Amino acid sequence: YLTSTFDAYYEQAAETQLFMIAGSHPFISGRPEASYVWSKFFDHMRKRDDVWFATYGEVADWWTNTFAGRRFG
């Protein structure tokens, strides 16, 4: 599910900037196989040189610097 979602976002991002936020509930991430799944997912994303891995804070800083003073809506 994660890799197919990423692939769809990546394809669409050729037309417009997109953010993909992937999270996991502790019920899932606390299971032994979760580290394997996340590792494979990150490996898949790292095959693309133009993917930005960012924290929420880095995204917020980018948004503020890019859209400071603009009104939406």
C-alpha atoms as a PDB file:
ATOM      1  CA  TYR A   1       0.000   0.000   0.000  1.00  0.00           C
ATOM      2  CA  LEU A   2       2.735   2.472   0.918  1.00  0.00           C
ATOM      3  CA  THR A   3       4.816   1.942  -2.202  1.00  0.00           C
ATOM      4  CA  SER A   4       1.847   2.076  -4.580  1.00  0.00           C
ATOM      5  CA  THR A   5       0.627   5.261  -2.889  1.00  0.00           C
ATOM      6  CA  PHE A   6       4.093   6.785  -3.181  1.00  0.00           C
ATOM      7  CA  ASP A   7       4.311   5.805  -6.860  1.00  0.00           C
ATOM      8  CA  ALA A   8       0.955   7.463  -7.567  1.00  0.00           C
ATOM      9  CA  TYR A   9       2.029  10.646  -5.741  1.00  0.00           C
ATOM     10  CA  TYR A  10       5.384  10.644  -7.534  1.00  0.00           C
ATOM     11  CA  GLU A  11       3.728  10.361 -10.924  1.00  0.00           C
ATOM     12  CA  GLN A  12       1.273  13.150 -10.142  1.00  0.00           C
ATOM     13  CA  ALA A  13       4.068  15.346  -8.735  1.00  0.00           C
ATOM     14  CA  ALA A  14       5.416  15.732 -12.265  1.00  0.00           C
ATOM     15  CA  GLU A  15       2.511  18.154 -12.766  1.00  0.00           C
ATOM     16  CA  THR A  16       2.313  19.850  -9.362  1.00  0.00           C
ATOM     17  CA  GLN A  17       4.134  19.772  -6.031  1.00  0.00           C
ATOM     18  CA  LEU A  18       2.737  17.248  -3.584  1.00  0.00           C
ATOM     19  CA  PHE A  19       3.411  16.186  -0.025  1.00  0.00           C
ATOM     20  CA  MET A  20       2.972  12.621   1.039  1.00  0.00           C
ATOM     21  CA  ILE A  21       2.670  12.164   4.750  1.00  0.00           C
ATOM     22  CA  ALA A  22       2.904   8.593   5.941  1.00  0.00           C
ATOM     23  CA  GLY A  23       2.273   7.740   9.537  1.00  0.00           C
ATOM     24  CA  SER A  24       1.573   4.692  11.577  1.00  0.00           C
ATOM     25  CA  HIS A  25      -0.455   3.974  14.670  1.00  0.00           C
ATOM     26  CA  PRO A  26       1.511   2.387  17.552  1.00  0.00           C
ATOM     27  CA  PHE A  27      -0.739  -0.666  17.289  1.00  0.00           C
ATOM     28  CA  ILE A  28       0.904  -1.312  13.909  1.00  0.00           C
ATOM     29  CA  SER A  29       4.344   0.271  14.333  1.00  0.00           C
ATOM     30  CA  GLY A  30       4.918  -1.612  17.579  1.00  0.00           C
ATOM     31  CA  ARG A  31       4.811  -4.947  15.803  1.00  0.00           C
ATOM     32  CA  PRO A  32       8.058  -6.755  14.896  1.00  0.00           C
ATOM     33  CA  GLU A  33       7.430  -6.699  11.152  1.00  0.00           C
ATOM     34  CA  ALA A  34       6.866  -2.936  11.058  1.00  0.00           C
ATOM     35  CA  SER A  35      10.562  -2.089  10.885  1.00  0.00           C
ATOM     36  CA  TYR A  36      10.908  -4.401   7.882  1.00  0.00           C
ATOM     37  CA  VAL A  37       7.964  -2.789   6.095  1.00  0.00           C
ATOM     38  CA  TRP A  38       9.173   0.779   6.760  1.00  0.00           C
ATOM     39  CA  SER A  39      12.726  -0.135   5.735  1.00  0.00           C
ATOM     40  CA  LYS A  40      11.534  -1.523   2.395  1.00  0.00           C
ATOM     41  CA  PHE A  41       9.321   1.533   1.868  1.00  0.00           C
ATOM     42  CA  PHE A  42      12.187   3.979   2.511  1.00  0.00           C
ATOM     43  CA  ASP A  43      14.463   1.959   0.224  1.00  0.00           C
ATOM     44  CA  HIS A  44      11.833   2.256  -2.507  1.00  0.00           C
ATOM     45  CA  MET A  45      11.567   6.037  -2.091  1.00  0.00           C
ATOM     46  CA  ARG A  46      15.354   6.527  -1.959  1.00  0.00           C
ATOM     47  CA  LYS A  47      15.643   5.144  -5.488  1.00  0.00           C
ATOM     48  CA  ARG A  48      14.413   8.577  -6.626  1.00  0.00           C
ATOM     49  CA  ASP A  49      17.025  11.332  -6.440  1.00  0.00           C
ATOM     50  CA  ASP A  50      14.456  14.130  -6.345  1.00  0.00           C
ATOM     51  CA  VAL A  51      12.448  13.064  -3.275  1.00  0.00           C
ATOM     52  CA  TRP A  52      12.775  15.290  -0.229  1.00  0.00           C
ATOM     53  CA  PHE A  53      12.653  13.560   3.165  1.00  0.00           C
ATOM     54  CA  ALA A  54      11.629  16.229   5.642  1.00  0.00           C
ATOM     55  CA  THR A  55      10.381  16.653   9.169  1.00  0.00           C
ATOM     56  CA  TYR A  56       7.124  18.471   9.857  1.00  0.00           C
ATOM     57  CA  GLY A  57       9.223  21.421  11.045  1.00  0.00           C
ATOM     58  CA  GLU A  58      11.197  21.530   7.790  1.00  0.00           C
ATOM     59  CA  VAL A  59       7.971  21.477   5.785  1.00  0.00           C
ATOM     60  CA  ALA A  60       6.546  24.279   7.933  1.00  0.00           C
ATOM     61  CA  ASP A  61       9.684  26.366   7.403  1.00  0.00           C
ATOM     62  CA  TRP A  62       9.546  25.758   3.654  1.00  0.00           C
ATOM     63  CA  TRP A  63       5.858  26.736   3.543  1.00  0.00           C
ATOM     64  CA  THR A  64       6.462  29.898   5.554  1.00  0.00           C
ATOM     65  CA  ASN A  65       9.419  30.944   3.396  1.00  0.00           C
ATOM     66  CA  THR A  66       7.642  30.125   0.144  1.00  0.00           C
ATOM     67  CA  PHE A  67       4.228  31.614   0.883  1.00  0.00           C
ATOM     68  CA  ALA A  68       4.904  34.300   3.494  1.00  0.00           C
ATOM     69  CA  GLY A  69       2.395  37.125   3.193  1.00  0.00           C
ATOM     70  CA  ARG A  70       0.156  35.380   0.653  1.00  0.00           C
ATOM     71  CA  ARG A  71      -3.543  35.052   1.270  1.00  0.00           C
ATOM     72  CA  PHE A  72      -5.422  31.894   0.408  1.00  0.00           C
ATOM     73  CA  GLY A  73      -9.123  31.382   0.011  1.00  0.00           C
END
